[in-house]
Amino acid sequence: MELFLQVLLVIFSIGLITVVLLQKGKSAGLSGAISGGAEHLFGKSKARGMDLVLQRVTVALAAGFFILAIAVAVVS
């Protein structure tokens, strides 16, 4: 069971890295980081198409990664 969970964790981590690298950057520089975070926080971000799909897949893979990491820690 532990080996299965570890293999699944590796698959999730590779998938998460791939999906994050496929996303395009929001803004550059410090001002972009501040305003980009504020726009994302207050819902002004209008992701459509592939950006929206990548964003949702990233959230799902991240949640699965954390759950699997906790499960592997508990099992071992």
C-alpha atoms as a PDB file:
ATOM      1  CA  MET A   1       0.000   0.000   0.000  1.00  0.00           C
ATOM      2  CA  GLU A   2       2.826   2.390   0.863  1.00  0.00           C
ATOM      3  CA  LEU A   3       4.561   1.769  -2.465  1.00  0.00           C
ATOM      4  CA  PHE A   4       1.324   2.409  -4.367  1.00  0.00           C
ATOM      5  CA  LEU A   5       0.798   5.716  -2.551  1.00  0.00           C
ATOM      6  CA  GLN A   6       4.398   6.774  -3.186  1.00  0.00           C
ATOM      7  CA  VAL A   7       4.108   6.027  -6.910  1.00  0.00           C
ATOM      8  CA  LEU A   8       0.845   7.955  -7.021  1.00  0.00           C
ATOM      9  CA  LEU A   9       2.515  10.854  -5.192  1.00  0.00           C
ATOM     10  CA  VAL A  10       5.333  10.946  -7.768  1.00  0.00           C
ATOM     11  CA  ILE A  11       2.789  10.955 -10.609  1.00  0.00           C
ATOM     12  CA  PHE A  12       0.866  13.812  -8.990  1.00  0.00           C
ATOM     13  CA  SER A  13       4.042  15.813  -8.401  1.00  0.00           C
ATOM     14  CA  ILE A  14       5.208  15.429 -12.007  1.00  0.00           C
ATOM     15  CA  GLY A  15       1.749  16.397 -13.224  1.00  0.00           C
ATOM     16  CA  LEU A  16       1.665  19.429 -10.953  1.00  0.00           C
ATOM     17  CA  ILE A  17       5.085  20.606 -12.114  1.00  0.00           C
ATOM     18  CA  THR A  18       4.061  20.165 -15.755  1.00  0.00           C
ATOM     19  CA  VAL A  19       0.791  22.065 -15.385  1.00  0.00           C
ATOM     20  CA  VAL A  20       2.447  24.945 -13.516  1.00  0.00           C
ATOM     21  CA  LEU A  21       5.133  25.250 -16.190  1.00  0.00           C
ATOM     22  CA  LEU A  22       2.484  25.312 -18.939  1.00  0.00           C
ATOM     23  CA  GLN A  23       0.802  28.376 -17.436  1.00  0.00           C
ATOM     24  CA  LYS A  24       1.819  31.785 -18.665  1.00  0.00           C
ATOM     25  CA  GLY A  25       3.085  34.467 -16.322  1.00  0.00           C
ATOM     26  CA  LYS A  26       0.619  37.063 -15.073  1.00  0.00           C
ATOM     27  CA  SER A  27       2.880  40.108 -14.731  1.00  0.00           C
ATOM     28  CA  ALA A  28       6.548  40.947 -14.351  1.00  0.00           C
ATOM     29  CA  GLY A  29       8.290  42.868 -11.634  1.00  0.00           C
ATOM     30  CA  LEU A  30       7.314  43.904  -8.127  1.00  0.00           C
ATOM     31  CA  SER A  31       4.427  46.148  -9.189  1.00  0.00           C
ATOM     32  CA  GLY A  32       2.992  43.326 -11.252  1.00  0.00           C
ATOM     33  CA  ALA A  33       3.212  40.967  -8.318  1.00  0.00           C
ATOM     34  CA  ILE A  34       1.352  43.387  -6.064  1.00  0.00           C
ATOM     35  CA  SER A  35      -1.360  44.370  -8.531  1.00  0.00           C
ATOM     36  CA  GLY A  36      -1.651  40.855  -9.927  1.00  0.00           C
ATOM     37  CA  GLY A  37      -2.236  39.456  -6.462  1.00  0.00           C
ATOM     38  CA  ALA A  38      -4.862  42.094  -5.737  1.00  0.00           C
ATOM     39  CA  GLU A  39      -6.670  41.413  -8.994  1.00  0.00           C
ATOM     40  CA  HIS A  40      -6.674  37.700  -8.338  1.00  0.00           C
ATOM     41  CA  LEU A  41      -7.830  38.205  -4.740  1.00  0.00           C
ATOM     42  CA  PHE A  42     -10.776  40.409  -5.626  1.00  0.00           C
ATOM     43  CA  GLY A  43     -11.880  38.392  -8.641  1.00  0.00           C
ATOM     44  CA  LYS A  44     -10.899  40.722 -11.471  1.00  0.00           C
ATOM     45  CA  SER A  45      -8.994  37.926 -13.176  1.00  0.00           C
ATOM     46  CA  LYS A  46     -10.885  36.764 -16.242  1.00  0.00           C
ATOM     47  CA  ALA A  47      -9.299  33.486 -17.187  1.00  0.00           C
ATOM     48  CA  ARG A  48     -10.838  31.876 -20.252  1.00  0.00           C
ATOM     49  CA  GLY A  49     -10.188  28.815 -22.301  1.00  0.00           C
ATOM     50  CA  MET A  50      -6.935  27.022 -21.690  1.00  0.00           C
ATOM     51  CA  ASP A  51      -5.909  29.330 -18.827  1.00  0.00           C
ATOM     52  CA  LEU A  52      -9.055  28.425 -16.907  1.00  0.00           C
ATOM     53  CA  VAL A  53      -8.551  24.705 -17.536  1.00  0.00           C
ATOM     54  CA  LEU A  54      -4.919  24.868 -16.407  1.00  0.00           C
ATOM     55  CA  GLN A  55      -5.911  26.824 -13.306  1.00  0.00           C
ATOM     56  CA  ARG A  56      -8.530  24.246 -12.302  1.00  0.00           C
ATOM     57  CA  VAL A  57      -6.221  21.307 -13.038  1.00  0.00           C
ATOM     58  CA  THR A  58      -3.520  22.966 -10.921  1.00  0.00           C
ATOM     59  CA  VAL A  59      -5.900  23.302  -7.976  1.00  0.00           C
ATOM     60  CA  ALA A  60      -7.031  19.681  -8.297  1.00  0.00           C
ATOM     61  CA  LEU A  61      -3.489  18.326  -8.595  1.00  0.00           C
ATOM     62  CA  ALA A  62      -2.281  20.445  -5.672  1.00  0.00           C
ATOM     63  CA  ALA A  63      -5.109  19.209  -3.455  1.00  0.00           C
ATOM     64  CA  GLY A  64      -4.415  15.619  -4.475  1.00  0.00           C
ATOM     65  CA  PHE A  65      -0.706  16.089  -3.852  1.00  0.00           C
ATOM     66  CA  PHE A  66      -1.253  17.377  -0.325  1.00  0.00           C
ATOM     67  CA  ILE A  67      -3.732  14.625   0.523  1.00  0.00           C
ATOM     68  CA  LEU A  68      -1.378  11.962  -0.822  1.00  0.00           C
ATOM     69  CA  ALA A  69       1.609  13.456   1.016  1.00  0.00           C
ATOM     70  CA  ILE A  70      -0.321  13.310   4.287  1.00  0.00           C
ATOM     71  CA  ALA A  71      -1.482   9.753   3.511  1.00  0.00           C
ATOM     72  CA  VAL A  72       2.081   8.596   2.797  1.00  0.00           C
ATOM     73  CA  ALA A  73       3.274  10.196   6.045  1.00  0.00           C
ATOM     74  CA  VAL A  74       0.536   8.466   8.021  1.00  0.00           C
ATOM     75  CA  VAL A  75       1.054   5.063   6.402  1.00  0.00           C
ATOM     76  CA  SER A  76       4.840   5.057   6.849  1.00  0.00           C
END
